[in-house]
Amino acid sequence: MDVLANSYYVLRHGESRANVEHLIVSDSENGILDSYGLTDKGKQQAQQAATHLKETLDKDWSEKYNKEMVTLVASPFSRARETAEIIATQLQFQVIVDPLLRER
């Protein structure tokens, strides 16, 4: 029998403007607005997460990972989408924005 060797990593978005303003933005109509996207600190956190993810993939995979085998899936909320896009740009991964991933 073949053994599947998939790995899954979960990442929370970087600091958002809503976080700084102590707002809960859970409605899809508001969550996609750029006004609730990442702060500069959140963008730096996403870049740091990309570096950490690359180090983790390099260490965890016995062979060098193949970027075509890695897919980032994010919700359409601006904070999550921006975080995924920063990581994807840095690591040259594909991002799929899935509207089924929603706030509670």
PDB file of N, CA and C in Angstrom:
ATOM      1  N   MET A   1       0.836  -1.170   0.000  1.00  0.00           N
ATOM      2  CA  MET A   1       0.000   0.000   0.000  1.00  0.00           C
ATOM      3  C   MET A   1       0.888   1.243   0.000  1.00  0.00           C
ATOM      4  N   ASP A   2       0.508   2.226  -0.817  1.00  0.00           N
ATOM      5  CA  ASP A   2       1.243   3.483  -0.847  1.00  0.00           C
ATOM      6  C   ASP A   2       0.952   4.284   0.411  1.00  0.00           C
ATOM      7  N   VAL A   3       1.970   4.962   0.896  1.00  0.00           N
ATOM      8  CA  VAL A   3       1.817   5.819   2.059  1.00  0.00           C
ATOM      9  C   VAL A   3       1.860   7.266   1.585  1.00  0.00           C
ATOM     10  N   LEU A   4       0.848   8.013   1.958  1.00  0.00           N
ATOM     11  CA  LEU A   4       0.828   9.429   1.609  1.00  0.00           C
ATOM     12  C   LEU A   4       1.749  10.189   2.549  1.00  0.00           C
ATOM     13  N   ALA A   5       2.463  11.123   2.008  1.00  0.00           N
ATOM     14  CA  ALA A   5       3.418  11.882   2.818  1.00  0.00           C
ATOM     15  C   ALA A   5       3.151  13.376   2.724  1.00  0.00           C
ATOM     16  N   ASN A   6       1.888  13.744   2.688  1.00  0.00           N
ATOM     17  CA  ASN A   6       1.556  15.164   2.623  1.00  0.00           C
ATOM     18  C   ASN A   6       1.868  15.838   3.947  1.00  0.00           C
ATOM     19  N   SER A   7       2.269  17.087   3.864  1.00  0.00           N
ATOM     20  CA  SER A   7       2.491  17.906   5.056  1.00  0.00           C
ATOM     21  C   SER A   7       1.628  19.150   4.932  1.00  0.00           C
ATOM     22  N   TYR A   8       1.118  19.597   6.055  1.00  0.00           N
ATOM     23  CA  TYR A   8       0.282  20.784   6.074  1.00  0.00           C
ATOM     24  C   TYR A   8       0.816  21.734   7.139  1.00  0.00           C
ATOM     25  N   TYR A   9       0.893  22.993   6.787  1.00  0.00           N
ATOM     26  CA  TYR A   9       1.350  24.025   7.713  1.00  0.00           C
ATOM     27  C   TYR A   9       0.253  25.073   7.791  1.00  0.00           C
ATOM     28  N   VAL A  10      -0.029  25.537   8.987  1.00  0.00           N
ATOM     29  CA  VAL A  10      -1.075  26.532   9.194  1.00  0.00           C
ATOM     30  C   VAL A  10      -0.412  27.807   9.689  1.00  0.00           C
ATOM     31  N   LEU A  11      -0.842  28.918   9.135  1.00  0.00           N
ATOM     32  CA  LEU A  11      -0.247  30.205   9.480  1.00  0.00           C
ATOM     33  C   LEU A  11      -1.349  31.229   9.704  1.00  0.00           C
ATOM     34  N   ARG A  12      -1.223  31.988  10.744  1.00  0.00           N
ATOM     35  CA  ARG A  12      -2.159  33.086  10.995  1.00  0.00           C
ATOM     36  C   ARG A  12      -1.648  34.315  10.253  1.00  0.00           C
ATOM     37  N   HIS A  13      -2.556  35.179   9.890  1.00  0.00           N
ATOM     38  CA  HIS A  13      -2.181  36.411   9.190  1.00  0.00           C
ATOM     39  C   HIS A  13      -1.324  37.308  10.065  1.00  0.00           C
ATOM     40  N   GLY A  14      -0.614  38.226   9.413  1.00  0.00           N
ATOM     41  CA  GLY A  14       0.163  39.222  10.141  1.00  0.00           C
ATOM     42  C   GLY A  14      -0.760  40.248  10.793  1.00  0.00           C
ATOM     43  N   GLU A  15      -0.171  41.150  11.553  1.00  0.00           N
ATOM     44  CA  GLU A  15      -0.951  42.184  12.241  1.00  0.00           C
ATOM     45  C   GLU A  15      -1.751  42.994  11.223  1.00  0.00           C
ATOM     46  N   SER A  16      -3.033  43.136  11.494  1.00  0.00           N
ATOM     47  CA  SER A  16      -3.900  43.895  10.592  1.00  0.00           C
ATOM     48  C   SER A  16      -4.265  45.237  11.224  1.00  0.00           C
ATOM     49  N   ARG A  17      -4.801  46.101  10.402  1.00  0.00           N
ATOM     50  CA  ARG A  17      -5.256  47.400  10.918  1.00  0.00           C
ATOM     51  C   ARG A  17      -6.372  47.198  11.941  1.00  0.00           C
ATOM     52  N   ALA A  18      -7.221  46.214  11.707  1.00  0.00           N
ATOM     53  CA  ALA A  18      -8.293  45.924  12.660  1.00  0.00           C
ATOM     54  C   ALA A  18      -7.715  45.487  14.007  1.00  0.00           C
ATOM     55  N   ASN A  19      -6.621  44.694  13.983  1.00  0.00           N
ATOM     56  CA  ASN A  19      -5.982  44.284  15.240  1.00  0.00           C
ATOM     57  C   ASN A  19      -5.549  45.508  16.042  1.00  0.00           C
ATOM     58  N   VAL A  20      -4.920  46.456  15.369  1.00  0.00           N
ATOM     59  CA  VAL A  20      -4.407  47.659  16.026  1.00  0.00           C
ATOM     60  C   VAL A  20      -5.548  48.502  16.592  1.00  0.00           C
ATOM     61  N   GLU A  21      -6.664  48.529  15.867  1.00  0.00           N
ATOM     62  CA  GLU A  21      -7.815  49.330  16.290  1.00  0.00           C
ATOM     63  C   GLU A  21      -8.752  48.565  17.233  1.00  0.00           C
ATOM     64  N   HIS A  22      -8.352  47.336  17.606  1.00  0.00           N
ATOM     65  CA  HIS A  22      -9.150  46.481  18.503  1.00  0.00           C
ATOM     66  C   HIS A  22     -10.557  46.245  17.955  1.00  0.00           C
ATOM     67  N   LEU A  23     -10.632  46.004  16.647  1.00  0.00           N
ATOM     68  CA  LEU A  23     -11.900  45.732  15.989  1.00  0.00           C
ATOM     69  C   LEU A  23     -11.980  44.257  15.610  1.00  0.00           C
ATOM     70  N   ILE A  24     -13.162  43.714  15.681  1.00  0.00           N
ATOM     71  CA  ILE A  24     -13.406  42.370  15.177  1.00  0.00           C
ATOM     72  C   ILE A  24     -14.071  42.539  13.820  1.00  0.00           C
ATOM     73  N   VAL A  25     -13.359  42.142  12.788  1.00  0.00           N
ATOM     74  CA  VAL A  25     -13.883  42.248  11.427  1.00  0.00           C
ATOM     75  C   VAL A  25     -14.125  40.829  10.949  1.00  0.00           C
ATOM     76  N   SER A  26     -15.381  40.393  11.067  1.00  0.00           N
ATOM     77  CA  SER A  26     -15.695  39.014  10.710  1.00  0.00           C
ATOM     78  C   SER A  26     -16.691  38.907   9.560  1.00  0.00           C
ATOM     79  N   ASP A  27     -17.248  40.011   9.154  1.00  0.00           N
ATOM     80  CA  ASP A  27     -18.186  40.015   8.037  1.00  0.00           C
ATOM     81  C   ASP A  27     -17.405  40.020   6.725  1.00  0.00           C
ATOM     82  N   SER A  28     -17.780  39.146   5.825  1.00  0.00           N
ATOM     83  CA  SER A  28     -17.052  39.014   4.553  1.00  0.00           C
ATOM     84  C   SER A  28     -17.014  40.311   3.765  1.00  0.00           C
ATOM     85  N   GLU A  29     -18.094  41.065   3.791  1.00  0.00           N
ATOM     86  CA  GLU A  29     -18.127  42.315   3.033  1.00  0.00           C
ATOM     87  C   GLU A  29     -17.093  43.307   3.539  1.00  0.00           C
ATOM     88  N   ASN A  30     -16.874  43.352   4.840  1.00  0.00           N
ATOM     89  CA  ASN A  30     -15.872  44.256   5.409  1.00  0.00           C
ATOM     90  C   ASN A  30     -14.477  43.642   5.374  1.00  0.00           C
ATOM     91  N   GLY A  31     -14.404  42.340   5.577  1.00  0.00           N
ATOM     92  CA  GLY A  31     -13.112  41.661   5.668  1.00  0.00           C
ATOM     93  C   GLY A  31     -12.270  41.760   4.413  1.00  0.00           C
ATOM     94  N   ILE A  32     -12.898  41.910   3.282  1.00  0.00           N
ATOM     95  CA  ILE A  32     -12.153  41.989   2.023  1.00  0.00           C
ATOM     96  C   ILE A  32     -11.656  43.398   1.717  1.00  0.00           C
ATOM     97  N   LEU A  33     -12.089  44.385   2.508  1.00  0.00           N
ATOM     98  CA  LEU A  33     -11.686  45.771   2.263  1.00  0.00           C
ATOM     99  C   LEU A  33     -10.211  45.981   2.569  1.00  0.00           C
ATOM    100  N   ASP A  34      -9.543  46.734   1.704  1.00  0.00           N
ATOM    101  CA  ASP A  34      -8.130  47.041   1.923  1.00  0.00           C
ATOM    102  C   ASP A  34      -7.907  47.807   3.226  1.00  0.00           C
ATOM    103  N   SER A  35      -8.915  48.532   3.684  1.00  0.00           N
ATOM    104  CA  SER A  35      -8.772  49.318   4.915  1.00  0.00           C
ATOM    105  C   SER A  35      -8.558  48.437   6.145  1.00  0.00           C
ATOM    106  N   TYR A  36      -8.822  47.123   6.008  1.00  0.00           N
ATOM    107  CA  TYR A  36      -8.580  46.198   7.115  1.00  0.00           C
ATOM    108  C   TYR A  36      -7.426  45.251   6.807  1.00  0.00           C
ATOM    109  N   GLY A  37      -6.590  45.636   5.881  1.00  0.00           N
ATOM    110  CA  GLY A  37      -5.435  44.823   5.505  1.00  0.00           C
ATOM    111  C   GLY A  37      -4.310  44.911   6.524  1.00  0.00           C
ATOM    112  N   LEU A  38      -3.139  44.488   6.112  1.00  0.00           N
ATOM    113  CA  LEU A  38      -1.982  44.431   7.006  1.00  0.00           C
ATOM    114  C   LEU A  38      -1.393  45.804   7.287  1.00  0.00           C
ATOM    115  N   THR A  39      -0.865  45.939   8.486  1.00  0.00           N
ATOM    116  CA  THR A  39      -0.053  47.107   8.832  1.00  0.00           C
ATOM    117  C   THR A  39       1.359  46.856   8.301  1.00  0.00           C
ATOM    118  N   ASP A  40       2.225  47.852   8.420  1.00  0.00           N
ATOM    119  CA  ASP A  40       3.621  47.641   8.031  1.00  0.00           C
ATOM    120  C   ASP A  40       4.245  46.522   8.865  1.00  0.00           C
ATOM    121  N   LYS A  41       3.901  46.497  10.158  1.00  0.00           N
ATOM    122  CA  LYS A  41       4.402  45.426  11.027  1.00  0.00           C
ATOM    123  C   LYS A  41       3.885  44.077  10.543  1.00  0.00           C
ATOM    124  N   GLY A  42       2.620  44.015  10.152  1.00  0.00           N
ATOM    125  CA  GLY A  42       2.039  42.774   9.642  1.00  0.00           C
ATOM    126  C   GLY A  42       2.734  42.296   8.376  1.00  0.00           C
ATOM    127  N   LYS A  43       3.113  43.231   7.516  1.00  0.00           N
ATOM    128  CA  LYS A  43       3.842  42.876   6.291  1.00  0.00           C
ATOM    129  C   LYS A  43       5.222  42.319   6.632  1.00  0.00           C
ATOM    130  N   GLN A  44       5.873  42.916   7.628  1.00  0.00           N
ATOM    131  CA  GLN A  44       7.175  42.393   8.081  1.00  0.00           C
ATOM    132  C   GLN A  44       7.006  41.000   8.682  1.00  0.00           C
ATOM    133  N   GLN A  45       5.947  40.798   9.444  1.00  0.00           N
ATOM    134  CA  GLN A  45       5.688  39.481  10.028  1.00  0.00           C
ATOM    135  C   GLN A  45       5.489  38.440   8.926  1.00  0.00           C
ATOM    136  N   ALA A  46       4.792  38.807   7.862  1.00  0.00           N
ATOM    137  CA  ALA A  46       4.577  37.880   6.742  1.00  0.00           C
ATOM    138  C   ALA A  46       5.900  37.546   6.065  1.00  0.00           C
ATOM    139  N   GLN A  47       6.770  38.530   5.917  1.00  0.00           N
ATOM    140  CA  GLN A  47       8.089  38.272   5.322  1.00  0.00           C
ATOM    141  C   GLN A  47       8.918  37.351   6.218  1.00  0.00           C
ATOM    142  N   GLN A  48       8.842  37.572   7.528  1.00  0.00           N
ATOM    143  CA  GLN A  48       9.539  36.686   8.474  1.00  0.00           C
ATOM    144  C   GLN A  48       8.964  35.277   8.420  1.00  0.00           C
ATOM    145  N   ALA A  49       7.657  35.176   8.282  1.00  0.00           N
ATOM    146  CA  ALA A  49       7.008  33.859   8.186  1.00  0.00           C
ATOM    147  C   ALA A  49       7.477  33.135   6.928  1.00  0.00           C
ATOM    148  N   ALA A  50       7.652  33.867   5.839  1.00  0.00           N
ATOM    149  CA  ALA A  50       8.139  33.259   4.600  1.00  0.00           C
ATOM    150  C   ALA A  50       9.541  32.699   4.791  1.00  0.00           C
ATOM    151  N   THR A  51      10.389  33.444   5.453  1.00  0.00           N
ATOM    152  CA  THR A  51      11.749  32.977   5.729  1.00  0.00           C
ATOM    153  C   THR A  51      11.710  31.729   6.595  1.00  0.00           C
ATOM    154  N   HIS A  52      10.885  31.750   7.623  1.00  0.00           N
ATOM    155  CA  HIS A  52      10.770  30.594   8.525  1.00  0.00           C
ATOM    156  C   HIS A  52      10.197  29.386   7.789  1.00  0.00           C
ATOM    157  N   LEU A  53       9.190  29.606   6.952  1.00  0.00           N
ATOM    158  CA  LEU A  53       8.602  28.500   6.199  1.00  0.00           C
ATOM    159  C   LEU A  53       9.633  27.874   5.272  1.00  0.00           C
ATOM    160  N   LYS A  54      10.416  28.695   4.591  1.00  0.00           N
ATOM    161  CA  LYS A  54      11.454  28.165   3.695  1.00  0.00           C
ATOM    162  C   LYS A  54      12.458  27.330   4.482  1.00  0.00           C
ATOM    163  N   GLU A  55      12.895  27.829   5.630  1.00  0.00           N
ATOM    164  CA  GLU A  55      13.832  27.070   6.473  1.00  0.00           C
ATOM    165  C   GLU A  55      13.208  25.749   6.911  1.00  0.00           C
ATOM    166  N   THR A  56      11.943  25.769   7.281  1.00  0.00           N
ATOM    167  CA  THR A  56      11.245  24.563   7.714  1.00  0.00           C
ATOM    168  C   THR A  56      11.142  23.561   6.580  1.00  0.00           C
ATOM    169  N   LEU A  57      10.757  24.032   5.395  1.00  0.00           N
ATOM    170  CA  LEU A  57      10.642  23.131   4.249  1.00  0.00           C
ATOM    171  C   LEU A  57      11.997  22.536   3.885  1.00  0.00           C
ATOM    172  N   ASP A  58      13.034  23.359   3.907  1.00  0.00           N
ATOM    173  CA  ASP A  58      14.378  22.860   3.595  1.00  0.00           C
ATOM    174  C   ASP A  58      14.815  21.782   4.581  1.00  0.00           C
ATOM    175  N   LYS A  59      14.447  21.957   5.857  1.00  0.00           N
ATOM    176  CA  LYS A  59      14.852  21.019   6.908  1.00  0.00           C
ATOM    177  C   LYS A  59      13.986  19.758   6.905  1.00  0.00           C
ATOM    178  N   ASP A  60      12.675  19.923   6.732  1.00  0.00           N
ATOM    179  CA  ASP A  60      11.745  18.803   6.870  1.00  0.00           C
ATOM    180  C   ASP A  60      11.713  17.867   5.665  1.00  0.00           C
ATOM    181  N   TRP A  61      12.013  18.367   4.517  1.00  0.00           N
ATOM    182  CA  TRP A  61      11.951  17.541   3.313  1.00  0.00           C
ATOM    183  C   TRP A  61      13.306  16.913   3.051  1.00  0.00           C
ATOM    184  N   SER A  62      13.320  15.616   2.806  1.00  0.00           N
ATOM    185  CA  SER A  62      14.595  14.937   2.564  1.00  0.00           C
ATOM    186  C   SER A  62      15.228  15.406   1.262  1.00  0.00           C
ATOM    187  N   GLU A  63      14.401  15.739   0.299  1.00  0.00           N
ATOM    188  CA  GLU A  63      14.905  16.324  -0.941  1.00  0.00           C
ATOM    189  C   GLU A  63      14.487  17.787  -0.943  1.00  0.00           C
ATOM    190  N   LYS A  64      15.137  18.597  -1.742  1.00  0.00           N
ATOM    191  CA  LYS A  64      14.734  19.991  -1.831  1.00  0.00           C
ATOM    192  C   LYS A  64      13.282  20.045  -2.302  1.00  0.00           C
ATOM    193  N   TYR A  65      12.491  20.853  -1.634  1.00  0.00           N
ATOM    194  CA  TYR A  65      11.083  20.931  -2.010  1.00  0.00           C
ATOM    195  C   TYR A  65      10.940  21.518  -3.408  1.00  0.00           C
ATOM    196  N   ASN A  66       9.886  21.131  -4.041  1.00  0.00           N
ATOM    197  CA  ASN A  66       9.571  21.586  -5.384  1.00  0.00           C
ATOM    198  C   ASN A  66       8.447  22.606  -5.257  1.00  0.00           C
ATOM    199  N   LYS A  67       8.697  23.852  -5.657  1.00  0.00           N
ATOM    200  CA  LYS A  67       7.698  24.897  -5.448  1.00  0.00           C
ATOM    201  C   LYS A  67       6.372  24.601  -6.148  1.00  0.00           C
ATOM    202  N   GLU A  68       6.407  23.783  -7.194  1.00  0.00           N
ATOM    203  CA  GLU A  68       5.164  23.413  -7.864  1.00  0.00           C
ATOM    204  C   GLU A  68       4.324  22.470  -6.996  1.00  0.00           C
ATOM    205  N   MET A  69       4.927  21.891  -5.971  1.00  0.00           N
ATOM    206  CA  MET A  69       4.213  20.964  -5.088  1.00  0.00           C
ATOM    207  C   MET A  69       3.625  21.676  -3.871  1.00  0.00           C
ATOM    208  N   VAL A  70       3.864  22.982  -3.750  1.00  0.00           N
ATOM    209  CA  VAL A  70       3.400  23.727  -2.592  1.00  0.00           C
ATOM    210  C   VAL A  70       2.328  24.720  -3.031  1.00  0.00           C
ATOM    211  N   THR A  71       1.218  24.705  -2.340  1.00  0.00           N
ATOM    212  CA  THR A  71       0.137  25.639  -2.623  1.00  0.00           C
ATOM    213  C   THR A  71      -0.268  26.322  -1.326  1.00  0.00           C
ATOM    214  N   LEU A  72      -0.410  27.617  -1.383  1.00  0.00           N
ATOM    215  CA  LEU A  72      -0.919  28.378  -0.256  1.00  0.00           C
ATOM    216  C   LEU A  72      -2.404  28.617  -0.499  1.00  0.00           C
ATOM    217  N   VAL A  73      -3.206  28.369   0.516  1.00  0.00           N
ATOM    218  CA  VAL A  73      -4.641  28.608   0.419  1.00  0.00           C
ATOM    219  C   VAL A  73      -4.983  29.658   1.475  1.00  0.00           C
ATOM    220  N   ALA A  74      -5.677  30.718   1.033  1.00  0.00           N
ATOM    221  CA  ALA A  74      -6.017  31.811   1.942  1.00  0.00           C
ATOM    222  C   ALA A  74      -7.477  32.188   1.776  1.00  0.00           C
ATOM    223  N   SER A  75      -8.014  32.765   2.829  1.00  0.00           N
ATOM    224  CA  SER A  75      -9.366  33.309   2.728  1.00  0.00           C
ATOM    225  C   SER A  75      -9.297  34.619   1.946  1.00  0.00           C
ATOM    226  N   PRO A  76     -10.424  35.119   1.475  1.00  0.00           N
ATOM    227  CA  PRO A  76     -10.424  36.382   0.744  1.00  0.00           C
ATOM    228  C   PRO A  76     -10.278  37.614   1.643  1.00  0.00           C
ATOM    229  N   PHE A  77     -10.300  37.420   2.954  1.00  0.00           N
ATOM    230  CA  PHE A  77     -10.103  38.558   3.850  1.00  0.00           C
ATOM    231  C   PHE A  77      -8.748  39.190   3.530  1.00  0.00           C
ATOM    232  N   SER A  78      -8.721  40.504   3.452  1.00  0.00           N
ATOM    233  CA  SER A  78      -7.516  41.194   2.996  1.00  0.00           C
ATOM    234  C   SER A  78      -6.296  40.839   3.845  1.00  0.00           C
ATOM    235  N   ARG A  79      -6.456  40.695   5.148  1.00  0.00           N
ATOM    236  CA  ARG A  79      -5.308  40.390   6.017  1.00  0.00           C
ATOM    237  C   ARG A  79      -4.710  39.026   5.694  1.00  0.00           C
ATOM    238  N   ALA A  80      -5.549  38.039   5.414  1.00  0.00           N
ATOM    239  CA  ALA A  80      -5.075  36.691   5.098  1.00  0.00           C
ATOM    240  C   ALA A  80      -4.517  36.629   3.675  1.00  0.00           C
ATOM    241  N   ARG A  81      -5.233  37.258   2.757  1.00  0.00           N
ATOM    242  CA  ARG A  81      -4.806  37.250   1.356  1.00  0.00           C
ATOM    243  C   ARG A  81      -3.462  37.956   1.202  1.00  0.00           C
ATOM    244  N   GLU A  82      -3.312  39.125   1.845  1.00  0.00           N
ATOM    245  CA  GLU A  82      -2.043  39.862   1.770  1.00  0.00           C
ATOM    246  C   GLU A  82      -0.898  39.049   2.363  1.00  0.00           C
ATOM    247  N   THR A  83      -1.139  38.410   3.501  1.00  0.00           N
ATOM    248  CA  THR A  83      -0.104  37.582   4.128  1.00  0.00           C
ATOM    249  C   THR A  83       0.325  36.472   3.172  1.00  0.00           C
ATOM    250  N   ALA A  84      -0.633  35.779   2.591  1.00  0.00           N
ATOM    251  CA  ALA A  84      -0.320  34.693   1.653  1.00  0.00           C
ATOM    252  C   ALA A  84       0.405  35.216   0.420  1.00  0.00           C
ATOM    253  N   GLU A  85      -0.001  36.366  -0.082  1.00  0.00           N
ATOM    254  CA  GLU A  85       0.637  36.917  -1.283  1.00  0.00           C
ATOM    255  C   GLU A  85       2.087  37.307  -1.022  1.00  0.00           C
ATOM    256  N   ILE A  86       2.380  37.843   0.144  1.00  0.00           N
ATOM    257  CA  ILE A  86       3.758  38.193   0.493  1.00  0.00           C
ATOM    258  C   ILE A  86       4.613  36.933   0.548  1.00  0.00           C
ATOM    259  N   ILE A  87       4.106  35.906   1.207  1.00  0.00           N
ATOM    260  CA  ILE A  87       4.841  34.640   1.307  1.00  0.00           C
ATOM    261  C   ILE A  87       5.014  34.026  -0.074  1.00  0.00           C
ATOM    262  N   ALA A  88       3.960  34.023  -0.851  1.00  0.00           N
ATOM    263  CA  ALA A  88       4.009  33.433  -2.198  1.00  0.00           C
ATOM    264  C   ALA A  88       5.003  34.160  -3.086  1.00  0.00           C
ATOM    265  N   THR A  89       5.043  35.466  -3.000  1.00  0.00           N
ATOM    266  CA  THR A  89       5.984  36.246  -3.806  1.00  0.00           C
ATOM    267  C   THR A  89       7.418  35.922  -3.417  1.00  0.00           C
ATOM    268  N   GLN A  90       7.672  35.870  -2.126  1.00  0.00           N
ATOM    269  CA  GLN A  90       9.031  35.611  -1.642  1.00  0.00           C
ATOM    270  C   GLN A  90       9.493  34.198  -2.000  1.00  0.00           C
ATOM    271  N   LEU A  91       8.576  33.228  -1.932  1.00  0.00           N
ATOM    272  CA  LEU A  91       8.965  31.832  -2.143  1.00  0.00           C
ATOM    273  C   LEU A  91       8.553  31.293  -3.508  1.00  0.00           C
ATOM    274  N   GLN A  92       7.925  32.133  -4.311  1.00  0.00           N
ATOM    275  CA  GLN A  92       7.472  31.754  -5.651  1.00  0.00           C
ATOM    276  C   GLN A  92       6.500  30.572  -5.605  1.00  0.00           C
ATOM    277  N   PHE A  93       5.516  30.678  -4.726  1.00  0.00           N
ATOM    278  CA  PHE A  93       4.463  29.689  -4.609  1.00  0.00           C
ATOM    279  C   PHE A  93       3.188  30.222  -5.232  1.00  0.00           C
ATOM    280  N   GLN A  94       2.275  29.321  -5.489  1.00  0.00           N
ATOM    281  CA  GLN A  94       0.952  29.668  -5.988  1.00  0.00           C
ATOM    282  C   GLN A  94       0.030  29.938  -4.796  1.00  0.00           C
ATOM    283  N   VAL A  95      -0.872  30.909  -4.951  1.00  0.00           N
ATOM    284  CA  VAL A  95      -1.877  31.184  -3.919  1.00  0.00           C
ATOM    285  C   VAL A  95      -3.254  30.922  -4.502  1.00  0.00           C
ATOM    286  N   ILE A  96      -4.059  30.208  -3.756  1.00  0.00           N
ATOM    287  CA  ILE A  96      -5.461  30.025  -4.091  1.00  0.00           C
ATOM    288  C   ILE A  96      -6.264  30.746  -3.018  1.00  0.00           C
ATOM    289  N   VAL A  97      -7.111  31.676  -3.447  1.00  0.00           N
ATOM    290  CA  VAL A  97      -7.997  32.363  -2.512  1.00  0.00           C
ATOM    291  C   VAL A  97      -9.324  31.606  -2.544  1.00  0.00           C
ATOM    292  N   ASP A  98      -9.700  31.055  -1.397  1.00  0.00           N
ATOM    293  CA  ASP A  98     -10.888  30.207  -1.314  1.00  0.00           C
ATOM    294  C   ASP A  98     -11.949  30.909  -0.473  1.00  0.00           C
ATOM    295  N   PRO A  99     -13.061  31.310  -1.087  1.00  0.00           N
ATOM    296  CA  PRO A  99     -14.111  32.011  -0.339  1.00  0.00           C
ATOM    297  C   PRO A  99     -14.775  31.154   0.741  1.00  0.00           C
ATOM    298  N   LEU A 100     -14.545  29.843   0.724  1.00  0.00           N
ATOM    299  CA  LEU A 100     -15.105  28.983   1.767  1.00  0.00           C
ATOM    300  C   LEU A 100     -14.346  29.104   3.081  1.00  0.00           C
ATOM    301  N   LEU A 101     -13.132  29.653   3.042  1.00  0.00           N
ATOM    302  CA  LEU A 101     -12.386  29.916   4.279  1.00  0.00           C
ATOM    303  C   LEU A 101     -12.876  31.252   4.808  1.00  0.00           C
ATOM    304  N   ARG A 102     -13.591  31.189   5.906  1.00  0.00           N
ATOM    305  CA  ARG A 102     -14.220  32.396   6.421  1.00  0.00           C
ATOM    306  C   ARG A 102     -13.984  32.538   7.905  1.00  0.00           C
ATOM    307  N   GLU A 103     -14.192  33.752   8.359  1.00  0.00           N
ATOM    308  CA  GLU A 103     -14.125  34.051   9.796  1.00  0.00           C
ATOM    309  C   GLU A 103     -15.251  33.300  10.490  1.00  0.00           C
ATOM    310  N   ARG A 104     -14.982  32.808  11.668  1.00  0.00           N
ATOM    311  CA  ARG A 104     -15.950  32.033  12.444  1.00  0.00           C
ATOM    312  C   ARG A 104     -17.336  32.260  11.979  1.00  0.00           C
TER     313      ARG A 104
END
